[in-house]
C-alpha cells in the first residue's frame, strides 16, 4: 500500500524541495525529466494541486508555487518567477516601465500590471483576475543599462532609472503622459545626469529622448537632467514629434525640444 501513496505525493514533495531552495516556480519539462511516469499521471497531479490552490499555471508548461503567505491572493508576485519564466522560454528580458519605476522607489500608485521588455517574437499578454503580465518587444538593448535587483527568489533583470525613464517615453501611449509625469517626479531623484547622457547616447529612439527632455524641462523644471538630454541630442538630427503620438497632431511645437504638446497633462502629485 505504500507505493501508491508515494506516487500520489511525489509532486508535493517535489514542490517542497523547490521551495526549500528559495524558488517559487517550476516547468512541466522539469517534472517530466525528474519523474519517468505517464503524462496522464502528471497532469492529474498538477490538476489536483491547482484545485488545492497550491500551484497556479502561468502559461502552458510553467507553474508558480503558491506559498502560504500568498494563499489569500492565489498568486505570488511576478517578480518571484519572472526570471525562471523567461529562462524557460530562452528569451532575453528585463523588468521595465512602471514595474521598474516601482522597484526604484517611484511607486506613487502601485502598478496593477507587471511590465516586461523582451525580444521578438512577441509573447501573449497574461491578463486574468489574479495576474496581469504585459510583454513589450524591443529589438535590442545595451547590457550597461540593465541592473540586477534581488528578490526572495533570486535576482531579476531591471532597467536602470535612466533607461526606465526613456522607455516610459518610448511606450508613451501604453502608459499615458499624465501617469508618466507623476512617475518622473519621483523617479527623477534616482536619475544621475552623467548616466542619463550615456544611456541617451545608446538609446536608438530619438523621439523618446525629445519627449523626456521636454517633460523634465517644461513640466518638471529639472534643468540638470534636461540639460543632459540636450547634450545627447546635439549629436543627432531631430524632427518635430508629438508628445502623445496617437492623439491629435494639433498643438504648439516647442522650439528647444521640437515636441508638439498635443495633450493636457494632469499629474497625480
C-alpha atoms as a PDB file:
ATOM      1  CA  UNK A   1       0.000   0.000   0.000  1.00  0.00           C
ATOM      2  CA  UNK A   2       2.968   2.338   0.451  1.00  0.00           C
ATOM      3  CA  UNK A   3       3.807   2.590  -3.250  1.00  0.00           C
ATOM      4  CA  UNK A   4       0.552   4.311  -4.347  1.00  0.00           C
ATOM      5  CA  UNK A   5       0.964   6.847  -1.522  1.00  0.00           C
ATOM      6  CA  UNK A   6       4.431   7.718  -2.785  1.00  0.00           C
ATOM      7  CA  UNK A   7       3.101   8.074  -6.308  1.00  0.00           C
ATOM      8  CA  UNK A   8       0.288  10.287  -5.049  1.00  0.00           C
ATOM      9  CA  UNK A   9       2.525  12.669  -3.107  1.00  0.00           C
ATOM     10  CA  UNK A  10       5.587  12.790  -5.333  1.00  0.00           C
ATOM     11  CA  UNK A  11       4.732  16.166  -6.859  1.00  0.00           C
ATOM     12  CA  UNK A  12       4.020  17.761  -3.486  1.00  0.00           C
ATOM     13  CA  UNK A  13       7.409  16.551  -2.261  1.00  0.00           C
ATOM     14  CA  UNK A  14       8.991  17.952  -5.409  1.00  0.00           C
ATOM     15  CA  UNK A  15       7.388  21.357  -4.786  1.00  0.00           C
ATOM     16  CA  UNK A  16       8.515  21.389  -1.156  1.00  0.00           C
ATOM     17  CA  UNK A  17      12.044  20.708  -2.352  1.00  0.00           C
ATOM     18  CA  UNK A  18      11.862  23.615  -4.810  1.00  0.00           C
ATOM     19  CA  UNK A  19      10.586  25.972  -2.125  1.00  0.00           C
ATOM     20  CA  UNK A  20      13.357  24.860   0.240  1.00  0.00           C
ATOM     21  CA  UNK A  21      15.791  26.099  -2.405  1.00  0.00           C
ATOM     22  CA  UNK A  22      14.129  29.528  -2.421  1.00  0.00           C
ATOM     23  CA  UNK A  23      12.311  29.138  -5.750  1.00  0.00           C
ATOM     24  CA  UNK A  24       8.649  29.833  -6.494  1.00  0.00           C
ATOM     25  CA  UNK A  25       8.161  28.166  -9.852  1.00  0.00           C
ATOM     26  CA  UNK A  26       8.796  25.093 -11.972  1.00  0.00           C
ATOM     27  CA  UNK A  27       8.220  23.911 -15.507  1.00  0.00           C
ATOM     28  CA  UNK A  28       6.428  20.862 -16.852  1.00  0.00           C
ATOM     29  CA  UNK A  29       9.686  19.899 -18.571  1.00  0.00           C
ATOM     30  CA  UNK A  30      11.410  19.699 -15.173  1.00  0.00           C
ATOM     31  CA  UNK A  31       8.689  17.427 -13.807  1.00  0.00           C
ATOM     32  CA  UNK A  32       8.835  15.105 -16.812  1.00  0.00           C
ATOM     33  CA  UNK A  33      12.601  14.915 -16.602  1.00  0.00           C
ATOM     34  CA  UNK A  34      12.565  14.034 -12.910  1.00  0.00           C
ATOM     35  CA  UNK A  35       9.648  11.606 -12.879  1.00  0.00           C
ATOM     36  CA  UNK A  36       9.508   8.941 -15.548  1.00  0.00           C
ATOM     37  CA  UNK A  37       5.750   8.427 -15.407  1.00  0.00           C
ATOM     38  CA  UNK A  38       2.927   8.951 -17.870  1.00  0.00           C
ATOM     39  CA  UNK A  39       1.752  12.378 -18.968  1.00  0.00           C
ATOM     40  CA  UNK A  40      -1.710  11.433 -17.726  1.00  0.00           C
ATOM     41  CA  UNK A  41      -0.439  10.808 -14.200  1.00  0.00           C
ATOM     42  CA  UNK A  42       1.495  14.099 -14.183  1.00  0.00           C
ATOM     43  CA  UNK A  43      -1.483  16.065 -15.484  1.00  0.00           C
ATOM     44  CA  UNK A  44      -3.740  14.527 -12.847  1.00  0.00           C
ATOM     45  CA  UNK A  45      -1.305  15.513 -10.101  1.00  0.00           C
ATOM     46  CA  UNK A  46      -0.983  19.036 -11.462  1.00  0.00           C
ATOM     47  CA  UNK A  47      -4.752  19.382 -11.651  1.00  0.00           C
ATOM     48  CA  UNK A  48      -5.102  18.215  -8.064  1.00  0.00           C
ATOM     49  CA  UNK A  49      -2.563  20.762  -6.839  1.00  0.00           C
ATOM     50  CA  UNK A  50      -4.237  23.542  -8.830  1.00  0.00           C
ATOM     51  CA  UNK A  51      -7.576  22.583  -7.284  1.00  0.00           C
ATOM     52  CA  UNK A  52      -5.975  22.766  -3.826  1.00  0.00           C
ATOM     53  CA  UNK A  53      -4.596  26.206  -4.834  1.00  0.00           C
ATOM     54  CA  UNK A  54      -1.033  25.110  -4.125  1.00  0.00           C
ATOM     55  CA  UNK A  55       0.094  25.982  -7.652  1.00  0.00           C
ATOM     56  CA  UNK A  56      -1.112  28.267 -10.449  1.00  0.00           C
ATOM     57  CA  UNK A  57      -0.478  27.888 -14.157  1.00  0.00           C
ATOM     58  CA  UNK A  58       1.201  30.995 -15.549  1.00  0.00           C
ATOM     59  CA  UNK A  59       1.312  29.814 -19.148  1.00  0.00           C
ATOM     60  CA  UNK A  60       1.390  26.433 -20.851  1.00  0.00           C
ATOM     61  CA  UNK A  61       4.058  24.282 -19.218  1.00  0.00           C
ATOM     62  CA  UNK A  62       5.003  26.752 -16.468  1.00  0.00           C
ATOM     63  CA  UNK A  63       3.668  26.952 -12.901  1.00  0.00           C
ATOM     64  CA  UNK A  64       4.013  29.223  -9.880  1.00  0.00           C
ATOM     65  CA  UNK A  65       4.044  27.736  -6.385  1.00  0.00           C
ATOM     66  CA  UNK A  66       1.550  29.429  -4.069  1.00  0.00           C
ATOM     67  CA  UNK A  67       3.300  29.515  -0.711  1.00  0.00           C
ATOM     68  CA  UNK A  68       1.154  30.035   2.437  1.00  0.00           C
ATOM     69  CA  UNK A  69       1.863  33.770   2.702  1.00  0.00           C
ATOM     70  CA  UNK A  70       0.277  34.293  -0.726  1.00  0.00           C
ATOM     71  CA  UNK A  71      -2.613  31.853  -0.377  1.00  0.00           C
ATOM     72  CA  UNK A  72      -5.223  34.608   0.054  1.00  0.00           C
ATOM     73  CA  UNK A  73      -4.148  36.266  -3.183  1.00  0.00           C
ATOM     74  CA  UNK A  74      -3.977  32.963  -5.014  1.00  0.00           C
ATOM     75  CA  UNK A  75      -0.821  34.149  -6.814  1.00  0.00           C
ATOM     76  CA  UNK A  76       2.752  35.070  -5.965  1.00  0.00           C
ATOM     77  CA  UNK A  77       4.217  38.401  -7.175  1.00  0.00           C
ATOM     78  CA  UNK A  78       5.517  38.141 -10.728  1.00  0.00           C
ATOM     79  CA  UNK A  79       8.960  39.286  -9.583  1.00  0.00           C
ATOM     80  CA  UNK A  80       9.353  35.928  -7.844  1.00  0.00           C
ATOM     81  CA  UNK A  81       9.040  33.847 -11.013  1.00  0.00           C
ATOM     82  CA  UNK A  82       9.739  36.142 -13.966  1.00  0.00           C
ATOM     83  CA  UNK A  83      13.422  35.186 -14.280  1.00  0.00           C
ATOM     84  CA  UNK A  84      12.607  31.468 -14.269  1.00  0.00           C
ATOM     85  CA  UNK A  85       9.792  32.023 -16.762  1.00  0.00           C
ATOM     86  CA  UNK A  86      11.989  33.871 -19.232  1.00  0.00           C
ATOM     87  CA  UNK A  87      14.793  31.349 -18.836  1.00  0.00           C
ATOM     88  CA  UNK A  88      12.328  28.544 -19.558  1.00  0.00           C
ATOM     89  CA  UNK A  89      11.392  30.378 -22.766  1.00  0.00           C
ATOM     90  CA  UNK A  90      15.067  31.063 -23.552  1.00  0.00           C
ATOM     91  CA  UNK A  91      14.328  34.756 -24.042  1.00  0.00           C
ATOM     92  CA  UNK A  92      16.279  37.845 -23.053  1.00  0.00           C
ATOM     93  CA  UNK A  93      14.305  40.236 -20.876  1.00  0.00           C
ATOM     94  CA  UNK A  94      14.261  42.976 -18.322  1.00  0.00           C
ATOM     95  CA  UNK A  95      11.600  44.295 -15.977  1.00  0.00           C
ATOM     96  CA  UNK A  96      10.741  47.780 -17.182  1.00  0.00           C
ATOM     97  CA  UNK A  97       8.328  50.705 -17.315  1.00  0.00           C
ATOM     98  CA  UNK A  98       6.015  51.067 -14.282  1.00  0.00           C
ATOM     99  CA  UNK A  99       7.346  47.897 -12.642  1.00  0.00           C
ATOM    100  CA  UNK A 100      10.953  49.067 -12.883  1.00  0.00           C
ATOM    101  CA  UNK A 101       9.964  52.528 -11.638  1.00  0.00           C
ATOM    102  CA  UNK A 102       8.302  50.941  -8.606  1.00  0.00           C
ATOM    103  CA  UNK A 103      11.428  48.892  -7.883  1.00  0.00           C
ATOM    104  CA  UNK A 104      13.398  52.156  -7.975  1.00  0.00           C
ATOM    105  CA  UNK A 105      11.036  53.710  -5.430  1.00  0.00           C
ATOM    106  CA  UNK A 106       8.714  55.591  -7.779  1.00  0.00           C
ATOM    107  CA  UNK A 107       5.509  53.871  -6.739  1.00  0.00           C
ATOM    108  CA  UNK A 108       3.004  56.639  -6.032  1.00  0.00           C
ATOM    109  CA  UNK A 109       0.421  54.218  -7.365  1.00  0.00           C
ATOM    110  CA  UNK A 110       1.454  50.575  -7.187  1.00  0.00           C
ATOM    111  CA  UNK A 111       1.101  49.232 -10.736  1.00  0.00           C
ATOM    112  CA  UNK A 112      -1.550  46.558 -11.198  1.00  0.00           C
ATOM    113  CA  UNK A 113       0.347  45.123 -14.166  1.00  0.00           C
ATOM    114  CA  UNK A 114       3.852  43.712 -14.273  1.00  0.00           C
ATOM    115  CA  UNK A 115       5.791  45.039 -17.267  1.00  0.00           C
ATOM    116  CA  UNK A 116       8.483  43.054 -19.058  1.00  0.00           C
ATOM    117  CA  UNK A 117      10.559  44.102 -22.068  1.00  0.00           C
ATOM    118  CA  UNK A 118      11.678  41.212 -24.227  1.00  0.00           C
ATOM    119  CA  UNK A 119      12.727  40.291 -27.757  1.00  0.00           C
ATOM    120  CA  UNK A 120      10.772  39.059 -30.757  1.00  0.00           C
ATOM    121  CA  UNK A 121       8.655  37.091 -31.278  1.00  0.00           C
ATOM    122  CA  UNK A 122       6.145  38.797 -29.006  1.00  0.00           C
ATOM    123  CA  UNK A 123       4.638  36.950 -26.060  1.00  0.00           C
ATOM    124  CA  UNK A 124       0.929  36.995 -25.435  1.00  0.00           C
ATOM    125  CA  UNK A 125      -0.196  39.174 -22.545  1.00  0.00           C
ATOM    126  CA  UNK A 126      -1.410  37.330 -19.446  1.00  0.00           C
ATOM    127  CA  UNK A 127      -4.498  39.032 -18.082  1.00  0.00           C
ATOM    128  CA  UNK A 128      -6.746  37.372 -15.534  1.00  0.00           C
ATOM    129  CA  UNK A 129      -8.221  38.082 -12.114  1.00  0.00           C
ATOM    130  CA  UNK A 130      -5.018  37.151 -10.297  1.00  0.00           C
ATOM    131  CA  UNK A 131      -2.252  38.162 -12.691  1.00  0.00           C
ATOM    132  CA  UNK A 132      -1.644  40.894 -15.249  1.00  0.00           C
ATOM    133  CA  UNK A 133       1.641  40.384 -17.056  1.00  0.00           C
ATOM    134  CA  UNK A 134       2.412  42.574 -20.075  1.00  0.00           C
ATOM    135  CA  UNK A 135       5.227  41.947 -22.546  1.00  0.00           C
ATOM    136  CA  UNK A 136       6.673  44.688 -24.738  1.00  0.00           C
ATOM    137  CA  UNK A 137       9.029  43.950 -27.614  1.00  0.00           C
ATOM    138  CA  UNK A 138      12.288  45.766 -28.260  1.00  0.00           C
ATOM    139  CA  UNK A 139      14.809  44.869 -30.958  1.00  0.00           C
ATOM    140  CA  UNK A 140      17.847  45.238 -28.705  1.00  0.00           C
ATOM    141  CA  UNK A 141      19.228  46.999 -25.654  1.00  0.00           C
ATOM    142  CA  UNK A 142      22.592  47.630 -24.047  1.00  0.00           C
ATOM    143  CA  UNK A 143      23.654  45.437 -21.118  1.00  0.00           C
ATOM    144  CA  UNK A 144      25.068  48.525 -19.391  1.00  0.00           C
ATOM    145  CA  UNK A 145      21.527  49.808 -18.936  1.00  0.00           C
ATOM    146  CA  UNK A 146      20.331  46.712 -17.061  1.00  0.00           C
ATOM    147  CA  UNK A 147      20.951  46.017 -13.379  1.00  0.00           C
ATOM    148  CA  UNK A 148      20.231  43.099 -11.090  1.00  0.00           C
ATOM    149  CA  UNK A 149      17.647  43.513  -8.345  1.00  0.00           C
ATOM    150  CA  UNK A 150      17.444  40.944  -5.556  1.00  0.00           C
ATOM    151  CA  UNK A 151      14.123  39.289  -4.703  1.00  0.00           C
ATOM    152  CA  UNK A 152      13.195  36.483  -2.321  1.00  0.00           C
ATOM    153  CA  UNK A 153      13.657  34.113  -5.267  1.00  0.00           C
ATOM    154  CA  UNK A 154      16.965  35.468  -6.551  1.00  0.00           C
ATOM    155  CA  UNK A 155      17.993  38.215  -8.964  1.00  0.00           C
ATOM    156  CA  UNK A 156      15.908  39.699 -11.751  1.00  0.00           C
ATOM    157  CA  UNK A 157      16.945  41.964 -14.637  1.00  0.00           C
ATOM    158  CA  UNK A 158      15.681  45.529 -14.243  1.00  0.00           C
ATOM    159  CA  UNK A 159      16.195  48.656 -16.341  1.00  0.00           C
ATOM    160  CA  UNK A 160      18.242  51.399 -14.691  1.00  0.00           C
ATOM    161  CA  UNK A 161      16.352  54.541 -13.640  1.00  0.00           C
ATOM    162  CA  UNK A 162      17.730  56.260 -16.742  1.00  0.00           C
ATOM    163  CA  UNK A 163      16.599  53.558 -19.172  1.00  0.00           C
ATOM    164  CA  UNK A 164      13.269  53.293 -17.352  1.00  0.00           C
ATOM    165  CA  UNK A 165      12.596  56.989 -17.924  1.00  0.00           C
ATOM    166  CA  UNK A 166      13.431  56.781 -21.625  1.00  0.00           C
ATOM    167  CA  UNK A 167      11.338  53.648 -22.104  1.00  0.00           C
ATOM    168  CA  UNK A 168       8.352  55.366 -20.499  1.00  0.00           C
ATOM    169  CA  UNK A 169       8.547  58.000 -23.242  1.00  0.00           C
ATOM    170  CA  UNK A 170       9.007  55.374 -25.948  1.00  0.00           C
ATOM    171  CA  UNK A 171       5.932  53.369 -24.923  1.00  0.00           C
ATOM    172  CA  UNK A 172       4.086  56.610 -24.180  1.00  0.00           C
ATOM    173  CA  UNK A 173       0.672  55.669 -25.490  1.00  0.00           C
ATOM    174  CA  UNK A 174       0.539  52.452 -23.467  1.00  0.00           C
ATOM    175  CA  UNK A 175       1.301  54.246 -20.186  1.00  0.00           C
ATOM    176  CA  UNK A 176      -0.242  57.706 -20.590  1.00  0.00           C
ATOM    177  CA  UNK A 177       1.519  61.063 -20.365  1.00  0.00           C
ATOM    178  CA  UNK A 178      -0.125  62.121 -17.100  1.00  0.00           C
ATOM    179  CA  UNK A 179       0.921  58.858 -15.446  1.00  0.00           C
ATOM    180  CA  UNK A 180       4.444  59.293 -16.781  1.00  0.00           C
ATOM    181  CA  UNK A 181       4.764  62.810 -15.347  1.00  0.00           C
ATOM    182  CA  UNK A 182       3.629  61.522 -11.950  1.00  0.00           C
ATOM    183  CA  UNK A 183       6.235  58.752 -12.064  1.00  0.00           C
ATOM    184  CA  UNK A 184       9.013  61.047 -13.319  1.00  0.00           C
ATOM    185  CA  UNK A 185       8.574  63.371 -10.342  1.00  0.00           C
ATOM    186  CA  UNK A 186       9.668  60.525  -8.070  1.00  0.00           C
ATOM    187  CA  UNK A 187      11.959  58.653 -10.446  1.00  0.00           C
ATOM    188  CA  UNK A 188      13.995  61.767 -11.274  1.00  0.00           C
ATOM    189  CA  UNK A 189      15.540  61.695  -7.787  1.00  0.00           C
ATOM    190  CA  UNK A 190      17.181  58.374  -8.733  1.00  0.00           C
ATOM    191  CA  UNK A 191      18.423  59.513 -12.147  1.00  0.00           C
ATOM    192  CA  UNK A 192      22.038  60.679 -12.460  1.00  0.00           C
ATOM    193  CA  UNK A 193      22.775  63.277 -15.148  1.00  0.00           C
ATOM    194  CA  UNK A 194      26.020  61.617 -16.246  1.00  0.00           C
ATOM    195  CA  UNK A 195      24.369  58.214 -16.585  1.00  0.00           C
ATOM    196  CA  UNK A 196      21.429  59.771 -18.398  1.00  0.00           C
ATOM    197  CA  UNK A 197      23.719  61.240 -21.073  1.00  0.00           C
ATOM    198  CA  UNK A 198      25.385  57.865 -21.646  1.00  0.00           C
ATOM    199  CA  UNK A 199      22.097  55.962 -21.736  1.00  0.00           C
ATOM    200  CA  UNK A 200      20.540  58.509 -24.095  1.00  0.00           C
ATOM    201  CA  UNK A 201      23.513  58.254 -26.447  1.00  0.00           C
ATOM    202  CA  UNK A 202      22.928  54.487 -26.630  1.00  0.00           C
ATOM    203  CA  UNK A 203      19.157  54.824 -26.960  1.00  0.00           C
ATOM    204  CA  UNK A 204      18.033  54.393 -30.585  1.00  0.00           C
ATOM    205  CA  UNK A 205      14.653  56.173 -30.394  1.00  0.00           C
ATOM    206  CA  UNK A 206      15.384  59.910 -30.667  1.00  0.00           C
ATOM    207  CA  UNK A 207      11.733  60.877 -30.190  1.00  0.00           C
ATOM    208  CA  UNK A 208      11.751  59.356 -26.692  1.00  0.00           C
ATOM    209  CA  UNK A 209      14.766  61.487 -25.757  1.00  0.00           C
ATOM    210  CA  UNK A 210      12.995  64.604 -27.028  1.00  0.00           C
ATOM    211  CA  UNK A 211       9.797  63.822 -25.100  1.00  0.00           C
ATOM    212  CA  UNK A 212      11.652  63.026 -21.890  1.00  0.00           C
ATOM    213  CA  UNK A 213      13.718  66.187 -22.162  1.00  0.00           C
ATOM    214  CA  UNK A 214      10.590  68.248 -22.782  1.00  0.00           C
ATOM    215  CA  UNK A 215       8.780  66.868 -19.733  1.00  0.00           C
ATOM    216  CA  UNK A 216      11.792  67.200 -17.441  1.00  0.00           C
ATOM    217  CA  UNK A 217      12.381  70.757 -18.654  1.00  0.00           C
ATOM    218  CA  UNK A 218       8.964  72.287 -19.254  1.00  0.00           C
ATOM    219  CA  UNK A 219       6.723  70.230 -16.970  1.00  0.00           C
ATOM    220  CA  UNK A 220       9.034  69.417 -14.050  1.00  0.00           C
ATOM    221  CA  UNK A 221      11.586  72.216 -14.246  1.00  0.00           C
ATOM    222  CA  UNK A 222      14.538  69.852 -13.809  1.00  0.00           C
ATOM    223  CA  UNK A 223      17.291  71.824 -15.537  1.00  0.00           C
ATOM    224  CA  UNK A 224      20.117  69.428 -14.649  1.00  0.00           C
ATOM    225  CA  UNK A 225      18.562  66.322 -16.209  1.00  0.00           C
ATOM    226  CA  UNK A 226      17.016  68.115 -19.175  1.00  0.00           C
ATOM    227  CA  UNK A 227      20.387  69.719 -19.956  1.00  0.00           C
ATOM    228  CA  UNK A 228      21.950  66.244 -20.020  1.00  0.00           C
ATOM    229  CA  UNK A 229      19.444  65.133 -22.646  1.00  0.00           C
ATOM    230  CA  UNK A 230      20.003  68.254 -24.678  1.00  0.00           C
ATOM    231  CA  UNK A 231      23.702  67.370 -24.861  1.00  0.00           C
ATOM    232  CA  UNK A 232      22.841  63.891 -26.103  1.00  0.00           C
ATOM    233  CA  UNK A 233      20.519  65.323 -28.764  1.00  0.00           C
ATOM    234  CA  UNK A 234      23.235  67.597 -30.181  1.00  0.00           C
ATOM    235  CA  UNK A 235      24.774  64.542 -31.847  1.00  0.00           C
ATOM    236  CA  UNK A 236      21.522  63.651 -33.652  1.00  0.00           C
ATOM    237  CA  UNK A 237      19.152  65.011 -36.234  1.00  0.00           C
ATOM    238  CA  UNK A 238      15.828  65.855 -34.636  1.00  0.00           C
ATOM    239  CA  UNK A 239      12.413  66.283 -36.195  1.00  0.00           C
ATOM    240  CA  UNK A 240       9.124  67.541 -34.734  1.00  0.00           C
ATOM    241  CA  UNK A 241       7.320  64.837 -32.708  1.00  0.00           C
ATOM    242  CA  UNK A 242       4.004  64.752 -30.880  1.00  0.00           C
ATOM    243  CA  UNK A 243       4.057  64.402 -27.114  1.00  0.00           C
ATOM    244  CA  UNK A 244       1.330  61.760 -27.447  1.00  0.00           C
ATOM    245  CA  UNK A 245       1.729  60.063 -30.814  1.00  0.00           C
ATOM    246  CA  UNK A 246      -1.819  58.687 -31.040  1.00  0.00           C
ATOM    247  CA  UNK A 247      -3.527  61.981 -30.208  1.00  0.00           C
ATOM    248  CA  UNK A 248      -4.377  64.942 -32.433  1.00  0.00           C
ATOM    249  CA  UNK A 249      -1.487  66.444 -34.364  1.00  0.00           C
ATOM    250  CA  UNK A 250      -2.628  69.944 -33.424  1.00  0.00           C
ATOM    251  CA  UNK A 251      -0.559  71.835 -30.879  1.00  0.00           C
ATOM    252  CA  UNK A 252       2.277  74.263 -30.331  1.00  0.00           C
ATOM    253  CA  UNK A 253       5.762  72.956 -31.117  1.00  0.00           C
ATOM    254  CA  UNK A 254       8.444  73.763 -28.546  1.00  0.00           C
ATOM    255  CA  UNK A 255      11.468  75.299 -30.279  1.00  0.00           C
ATOM    256  CA  UNK A 256      14.090  73.712 -27.998  1.00  0.00           C
ATOM    257  CA  UNK A 257      12.825  70.121 -27.983  1.00  0.00           C
ATOM    258  CA  UNK A 258      10.755  70.113 -31.205  1.00  0.00           C
ATOM    259  CA  UNK A 259       7.925  68.488 -29.263  1.00  0.00           C
ATOM    260  CA  UNK A 260       4.276  69.262 -30.028  1.00  0.00           C
ATOM    261  CA  UNK A 261       2.190  69.467 -26.871  1.00  0.00           C
ATOM    262  CA  UNK A 262      -0.996  67.818 -28.141  1.00  0.00           C
ATOM    263  CA  UNK A 263      -2.411  66.575 -24.839  1.00  0.00           C
ATOM    264  CA  UNK A 264      -3.429  68.051 -21.497  1.00  0.00           C
ATOM    265  CA  UNK A 265      -1.352  66.788 -18.572  1.00  0.00           C
ATOM    266  CA  UNK A 266      -2.992  66.075 -15.230  1.00  0.00           C
ATOM    267  CA  UNK A 267      -0.411  64.732 -12.784  1.00  0.00           C
ATOM    268  CA  UNK A 268      -1.499  62.938  -9.597  1.00  0.00           C
ATOM    269  CA  UNK A 269       1.132  64.690  -7.486  1.00  0.00           C
END
